[in-house]
PDB file of all heavy atoms in Angstrom:
ATOM      1  N   GLN A   1     -15.838  60.189 -16.951  1.00  0.00           N
ATOM      2  CA  GLN A   1     -16.192  58.780 -16.848  1.00  0.00           C
ATOM      3  C   GLN A   1     -15.054  58.009 -16.261  1.00  0.00           C
ATOM      4  O   GLN A   1     -15.384  56.973 -15.505  1.00  0.00           O
ATOM      5  CB  GLN A   1     -16.614  58.234 -18.154  1.00  0.00           C
ATOM      6  CG  GLN A   1     -17.153  56.864 -18.147  1.00  0.00           C
ATOM      7  CD  GLN A   1     -18.055  56.538 -19.284  1.00  0.00           C
ATOM      8  OE1 GLN A   1     -18.769  57.417 -19.849  1.00  0.00           O
ATOM      9  NE2 GLN A   1     -17.898  55.372 -19.760  1.00  0.00           N
ATOM     10  N   THR A   2     -13.795  58.149 -16.485  1.00  0.00           N
ATOM     11  CA  THR A   2     -12.767  57.263 -16.027  1.00  0.00           C
ATOM     12  C   THR A   2     -12.169  57.670 -14.703  1.00  0.00           C
ATOM     13  O   THR A   2     -11.625  56.900 -13.928  1.00  0.00           O
ATOM     14  CB  THR A   2     -11.529  57.211 -17.146  1.00  0.00           C
ATOM     15  OG1 THR A   2     -11.075  58.596 -17.262  1.00  0.00           O
ATOM     16  CG2 THR A   2     -12.145  56.761 -18.360  1.00  0.00           C
ATOM     17  N   ARG A   3     -12.307  58.963 -14.289  1.00  0.00           N
ATOM     18  CA  ARG A   3     -11.659  59.303 -13.097  1.00  0.00           C
ATOM     19  C   ARG A   3     -12.638  59.804 -11.995  1.00  0.00           C
ATOM     20  O   ARG A   3     -12.674  59.401 -10.923  1.00  0.00           O
ATOM     21  CB  ARG A   3     -10.627  60.359 -13.412  1.00  0.00           C
ATOM     22  CG  ARG A   3      -9.816  60.720 -12.169  1.00  0.00           C
ATOM     23  CD  ARG A   3      -8.603  61.756 -12.396  1.00  0.00           C
ATOM     24  NE  ARG A   3      -9.006  62.998 -12.672  1.00  0.00           N
ATOM     25  CZ  ARG A   3      -9.171  63.988 -11.821  1.00  0.00           C
ATOM     26  NH1 ARG A   3      -9.032  63.721 -10.544  1.00  0.00           N
ATOM     27  NH2 ARG A   3      -9.604  65.165 -12.219  1.00  0.00           N
ATOM     28  N   LEU A   4     -13.478  60.841 -12.365  1.00  0.00           N
ATOM     29  CA  LEU A   4     -14.418  61.458 -11.513  1.00  0.00           C
ATOM     30  C   LEU A   4     -15.502  60.522 -11.113  1.00  0.00           C
ATOM     31  O   LEU A   4     -15.778  60.436  -9.890  1.00  0.00           O
ATOM     32  CB  LEU A   4     -14.923  62.755 -12.136  1.00  0.00           C
ATOM     33  CG  LEU A   4     -13.978  63.859 -12.423  1.00  0.00           C
ATOM     34  CD1 LEU A   4     -14.595  65.017 -13.087  1.00  0.00           C
ATOM     35  CD2 LEU A   4     -13.236  64.336 -11.090  1.00  0.00           C
ATOM     36  N   LEU A   5     -16.205  59.897 -12.021  1.00  0.00           N
ATOM     37  CA  LEU A   5     -17.390  59.086 -11.715  1.00  0.00           C
ATOM     38  C   LEU A   5     -16.940  57.906 -10.786  1.00  0.00           C
ATOM     39  O   LEU A   5     -17.583  57.725  -9.723  1.00  0.00           O
ATOM     40  CB  LEU A   5     -18.076  58.562 -12.932  1.00  0.00           C
ATOM     41  CG  LEU A   5     -19.128  57.610 -12.778  1.00  0.00           C
ATOM     42  CD1 LEU A   5     -20.334  58.196 -12.122  1.00  0.00           C
ATOM     43  CD2 LEU A   5     -19.631  57.212 -14.107  1.00  0.00           C
ATOM     44  N   PRO A   6     -15.957  57.047 -11.113  1.00  0.00           N
ATOM     45  CA  PRO A   6     -15.563  56.062 -10.183  1.00  0.00           C
ATOM     46  C   PRO A   6     -15.226  56.427  -8.856  1.00  0.00           C
ATOM     47  O   PRO A   6     -15.614  55.815  -7.847  1.00  0.00           O
ATOM     48  CB  PRO A   6     -14.381  55.390 -10.894  1.00  0.00           C
ATOM     49  CG  PRO A   6     -14.550  55.623 -12.396  1.00  0.00           C
ATOM     50  CD  PRO A   6     -15.104  57.055 -12.330  1.00  0.00           C
ATOM     51  N   ALA A   7     -14.490  57.591  -8.672  1.00  0.00           N
ATOM     52  CA  ALA A   7     -14.154  58.126  -7.283  1.00  0.00           C
ATOM     53  C   ALA A   7     -15.338  58.536  -6.590  1.00  0.00           C
ATOM     54  O   ALA A   7     -15.465  58.208  -5.359  1.00  0.00           O
ATOM     55  CB  ALA A   7     -13.275  59.350  -7.509  1.00  0.00           C
ATOM     56  N   ALA A   8     -16.239  59.130  -7.339  1.00  0.00           N
ATOM     57  CA  ALA A   8     -17.496  59.696  -6.480  1.00  0.00           C
ATOM     58  C   ALA A   8     -18.377  58.456  -6.187  1.00  0.00           C
ATOM     59  O   ALA A   8     -18.934  58.426  -5.082  1.00  0.00           O
ATOM     60  CB  ALA A   8     -18.345  60.528  -7.537  1.00  0.00           C
ATOM     61  N   ALA A   9     -18.534  57.464  -6.993  1.00  0.00           N
ATOM     62  CA  ALA A   9     -19.304  56.232  -6.691  1.00  0.00           C
ATOM     63  C   ALA A   9     -18.718  55.549  -5.514  1.00  0.00           C
ATOM     64  O   ALA A   9     -19.466  55.012  -4.630  1.00  0.00           O
ATOM     65  CB  ALA A   9     -19.282  55.379  -7.930  1.00  0.00           C
ATOM     66  N   GLY A  10     -17.259  55.447  -5.499  1.00  0.00           N
ATOM     67  CA  GLY A  10     -16.664  54.843  -4.377  1.00  0.00           C
ATOM     68  C   GLY A  10     -16.955  55.525  -2.987  1.00  0.00           C
ATOM     69  O   GLY A  10     -17.270  55.006  -2.056  1.00  0.00           O
ATOM     70  N   GLN A  11     -16.976  56.892  -3.138  1.00  0.00           N
ATOM     71  CA  GLN A  11     -17.259  57.692  -1.858  1.00  0.00           C
ATOM     72  C   GLN A  11     -18.618  57.458  -1.396  1.00  0.00           C
ATOM     73  O   GLN A  11     -18.902  57.242  -0.226  1.00  0.00           O
ATOM     74  CB  GLN A  11     -17.153  59.126  -2.061  1.00  0.00           C
ATOM     75  CG  GLN A  11     -15.649  59.560  -2.112  1.00  0.00           C
ATOM     76  CD  GLN A  11     -15.614  61.192  -2.404  1.00  0.00           C
ATOM     77  OE1 GLN A  11     -16.500  61.716  -2.996  1.00  0.00           O
ATOM     78  NE2 GLN A  11     -14.474  61.727  -2.052  1.00  0.00           N
ATOM     79  N   MET A  12     -19.639  57.380  -2.274  1.00  0.00           N
ATOM     80  CA  MET A  12     -20.952  57.107  -1.899  1.00  0.00           C
ATOM     81  C   MET A  12     -21.252  55.749  -1.339  1.00  0.00           C
ATOM     82  O   MET A  12     -21.953  55.481  -0.391  1.00  0.00           O
ATOM     83  CB  MET A  12     -21.997  57.399  -3.057  1.00  0.00           C
ATOM     84  CG  MET A  12     -21.982  58.804  -3.383  1.00  0.00           C
ATOM     85  SD  MET A  12     -23.324  59.228  -4.678  1.00  0.00           S
ATOM     86  CE  MET A  12     -22.536  58.393  -6.169  1.00  0.00           C
ATOM     87  N   ALA A  13     -20.493  54.677  -1.959  1.00  0.00           N
ATOM     88  CA  ALA A  13     -20.618  53.416  -1.433  1.00  0.00           C
ATOM     89  C   ALA A  13     -20.069  53.245  -0.007  1.00  0.00           C
ATOM     90  O   ALA A  13     -20.589  52.577   0.888  1.00  0.00           O
ATOM     91  CB  ALA A  13     -19.909  52.426  -2.419  1.00  0.00           C
ATOM     92  N   PHE A  14     -18.868  53.882   0.106  1.00  0.00           N
ATOM     93  CA  PHE A  14     -18.258  53.914   1.411  1.00  0.00           C
ATOM     94  C   PHE A  14     -19.130  54.507   2.479  1.00  0.00           C
ATOM     95  O   PHE A  14     -19.084  54.113   3.642  1.00  0.00           O
ATOM     96  CB  PHE A  14     -16.767  54.513   1.319  1.00  0.00           C
ATOM     97  CG  PHE A  14     -16.101  54.478   2.623  1.00  0.00           C
ATOM     98  CD1 PHE A  14     -15.546  53.282   3.002  1.00  0.00           C
ATOM     99  CD2 PHE A  14     -15.937  55.563   3.363  1.00  0.00           C
ATOM    100  CE1 PHE A  14     -14.780  53.268   4.200  1.00  0.00           C
ATOM    101  CE2 PHE A  14     -15.243  55.485   4.636  1.00  0.00           C
ATOM    102  CZ  PHE A  14     -14.745  54.334   4.987  1.00  0.00           C
ATOM    103  N   GLU A  15     -19.702  55.595   2.151  1.00  0.00           N
ATOM    104  CA  GLU A  15     -20.638  56.419   3.138  1.00  0.00           C
ATOM    105  C   GLU A  15     -21.653  55.488   3.612  1.00  0.00           C
ATOM    106  O   GLU A  15     -21.953  55.557   4.859  1.00  0.00           O
ATOM    107  CB  GLU A  15     -21.379  57.554   2.328  1.00  0.00           C
ATOM    108  CG  GLU A  15     -22.360  58.214   3.115  1.00  0.00           C
ATOM    109  CD  GLU A  15     -21.789  58.943   4.318  1.00  0.00           C
ATOM    110  OE1 GLU A  15     -20.597  59.156   4.439  1.00  0.00           O
ATOM    111  OE2 GLU A  15     -22.648  59.541   5.175  1.00  0.00           O
ATOM    112  N   ALA A  16     -22.047  54.443   2.994  1.00  0.00           N
ATOM    113  CA  ALA A  16     -23.150  53.603   3.453  1.00  0.00           C
ATOM    114  C   ALA A  16     -22.559  52.240   4.048  1.00  0.00           C
ATOM    115  O   ALA A  16     -23.315  51.336   4.564  1.00  0.00           O
ATOM    116  CB  ALA A  16     -24.117  53.248   2.359  1.00  0.00           C
ATOM    117  N   THR A  17     -21.288  52.163   4.139  1.00  0.00           N
ATOM    118  CA  THR A  17     -20.735  50.855   4.713  1.00  0.00           C
ATOM    119  C   THR A  17     -21.060  50.618   6.162  1.00  0.00           C
ATOM    120  O   THR A  17     -21.043  49.501   6.704  1.00  0.00           O
ATOM    121  CB  THR A  17     -19.159  50.719   4.504  1.00  0.00           C
ATOM    122  OG1 THR A  17     -18.596  51.860   5.113  1.00  0.00           O
ATOM    123  CG2 THR A  17     -18.849  50.640   3.058  1.00  0.00           C
ATOM    124  N   ARG A  18     -21.295  51.674   6.870  1.00  0.00           N
ATOM    125  CA  ARG A  18     -21.634  51.608   8.231  1.00  0.00           C
ATOM    126  C   ARG A  18     -23.084  51.942   8.422  1.00  0.00           C
ATOM    127  O   ARG A  18     -23.474  52.296   9.609  1.00  0.00           O
ATOM    128  CB  ARG A  18     -20.774  52.575   9.146  1.00  0.00           C
ATOM    129  CG  ARG A  18     -19.229  52.157   8.992  1.00  0.00           C
ATOM    130  CD  ARG A  18     -18.425  53.095   9.754  1.00  0.00           C
ATOM    131  NE  ARG A  18     -17.049  52.757   9.571  1.00  0.00           N
ATOM    132  CZ  ARG A  18     -16.127  52.764  10.552  1.00  0.00           C
ATOM    133  NH1 ARG A  18     -16.535  53.189  11.802  1.00  0.00           N
ATOM    134  NH2 ARG A  18     -14.894  52.393  10.312  1.00  0.00           N
ATOM    135  N   CYS A  19     -23.879  51.906   7.428  1.00  0.00           N
ATOM    136  CA  CYS A  19     -25.266  52.345   7.512  1.00  0.00           C
ATOM    137  C   CYS A  19     -26.045  51.242   8.216  1.00  0.00           C
ATOM    138  O   CYS A  19     -26.044  50.058   7.831  1.00  0.00           O
ATOM    139  CB  CYS A  19     -25.714  52.529   6.062  1.00  0.00           C
ATOM    140  SG  CYS A  19     -27.451  53.064   6.024  1.00  0.00           S
ATOM    141  N   SER A  20     -26.877  51.632   9.159  1.00  0.00           N
ATOM    142  CA  SER A  20     -27.700  50.698   9.912  1.00  0.00           C
ATOM    143  C   SER A  20     -28.943  50.142   9.132  1.00  0.00           C
ATOM    144  O   SER A  20     -29.441  49.154   9.537  1.00  0.00           O
ATOM    145  CB  SER A  20     -28.165  51.368  11.216  1.00  0.00           C
ATOM    146  OG  SER A  20     -29.054  52.425  10.998  1.00  0.00           O
ATOM    147  N   HIS A  21     -29.379  50.764   8.131  1.00  0.00           N
ATOM    148  CA  HIS A  21     -30.555  50.429   7.462  1.00  0.00           C
ATOM    149  C   HIS A  21     -30.343  49.867   6.041  1.00  0.00           C
ATOM    150  O   HIS A  21     -31.234  49.472   5.320  1.00  0.00           O
ATOM    151  CB  HIS A  21     -31.680  51.439   7.438  1.00  0.00           C
ATOM    152  CG  HIS A  21     -31.255  52.701   6.815  1.00  0.00           C
ATOM    153  ND1 HIS A  21     -30.956  52.955   5.600  1.00  0.00           N
ATOM    154  CD2 HIS A  21     -31.089  53.919   7.599  1.00  0.00           C
ATOM    155  CE1 HIS A  21     -30.604  54.149   5.402  1.00  0.00           C
ATOM    156  NE2 HIS A  21     -30.643  54.781   6.625  1.00  0.00           N
ATOM    157  N   SER A  22     -29.101  49.741   5.686  1.00  0.00           N
ATOM    158  CA  SER A  22     -28.764  49.206   4.351  1.00  0.00           C
ATOM    159  C   SER A  22     -28.687  47.682   4.386  1.00  0.00           C
ATOM    160  O   SER A  22     -28.076  46.997   5.247  1.00  0.00           O
ATOM    161  CB  SER A  22     -27.369  49.699   3.832  1.00  0.00           C
ATOM    162  OG  SER A  22     -26.958  49.079   2.701  1.00  0.00           O
ATOM    163  N   THR A  23     -29.402  46.997   3.412  1.00  0.00           N
ATOM    164  CA  THR A  23     -29.398  45.593   3.376  1.00  0.00           C
ATOM    165  C   THR A  23     -28.202  44.980   2.596  1.00  0.00           C
ATOM    166  O   THR A  23     -27.653  43.978   2.802  1.00  0.00           O
ATOM    167  CB  THR A  23     -30.619  45.031   2.624  1.00  0.00           C
ATOM    168  OG1 THR A  23     -30.654  45.588   1.312  1.00  0.00           O
ATOM    169  CG2 THR A  23     -31.839  45.367   3.339  1.00  0.00           C
ATOM    170  N   THR A  24     -27.551  45.937   1.727  1.00  0.00           N
ATOM    171  CA  THR A  24     -26.338  45.443   1.103  1.00  0.00           C
ATOM    172  C   THR A  24     -25.021  45.587   1.767  1.00  0.00           C
ATOM    173  O   THR A  24     -24.133  44.999   1.524  1.00  0.00           O
ATOM    174  CB  THR A  24     -26.238  46.133  -0.402  1.00  0.00           C
ATOM    175  OG1 THR A  24     -26.254  47.469  -0.175  1.00  0.00           O
ATOM    176  CG2 THR A  24     -27.500  45.586  -1.160  1.00  0.00           C
ATOM    177  N   ASN A  25     -25.059  46.562   2.667  1.00  0.00           N
ATOM    178  CA  ASN A  25     -23.841  46.980   3.453  1.00  0.00           C
ATOM    179  C   ASN A  25     -24.138  46.945   4.925  1.00  0.00           C
ATOM    180  O   ASN A  25     -24.526  47.846   5.595  1.00  0.00           O
ATOM    181  CB  ASN A  25     -23.372  48.265   3.083  1.00  0.00           C
ATOM    182  CG  ASN A  25     -22.923  48.378   1.714  1.00  0.00           C
ATOM    183  OD1 ASN A  25     -22.154  47.481   1.290  1.00  0.00           O
ATOM    184  ND2 ASN A  25     -23.387  49.351   0.869  1.00  0.00           N
TER     185      ASN A  25
END
């Protein structure tokens, strides 16, 4: 919960930062 989950969530969020169909990114 303190190390693995936040790192994984950050990777997934970053993956969509250049996403053409995302409304939040």
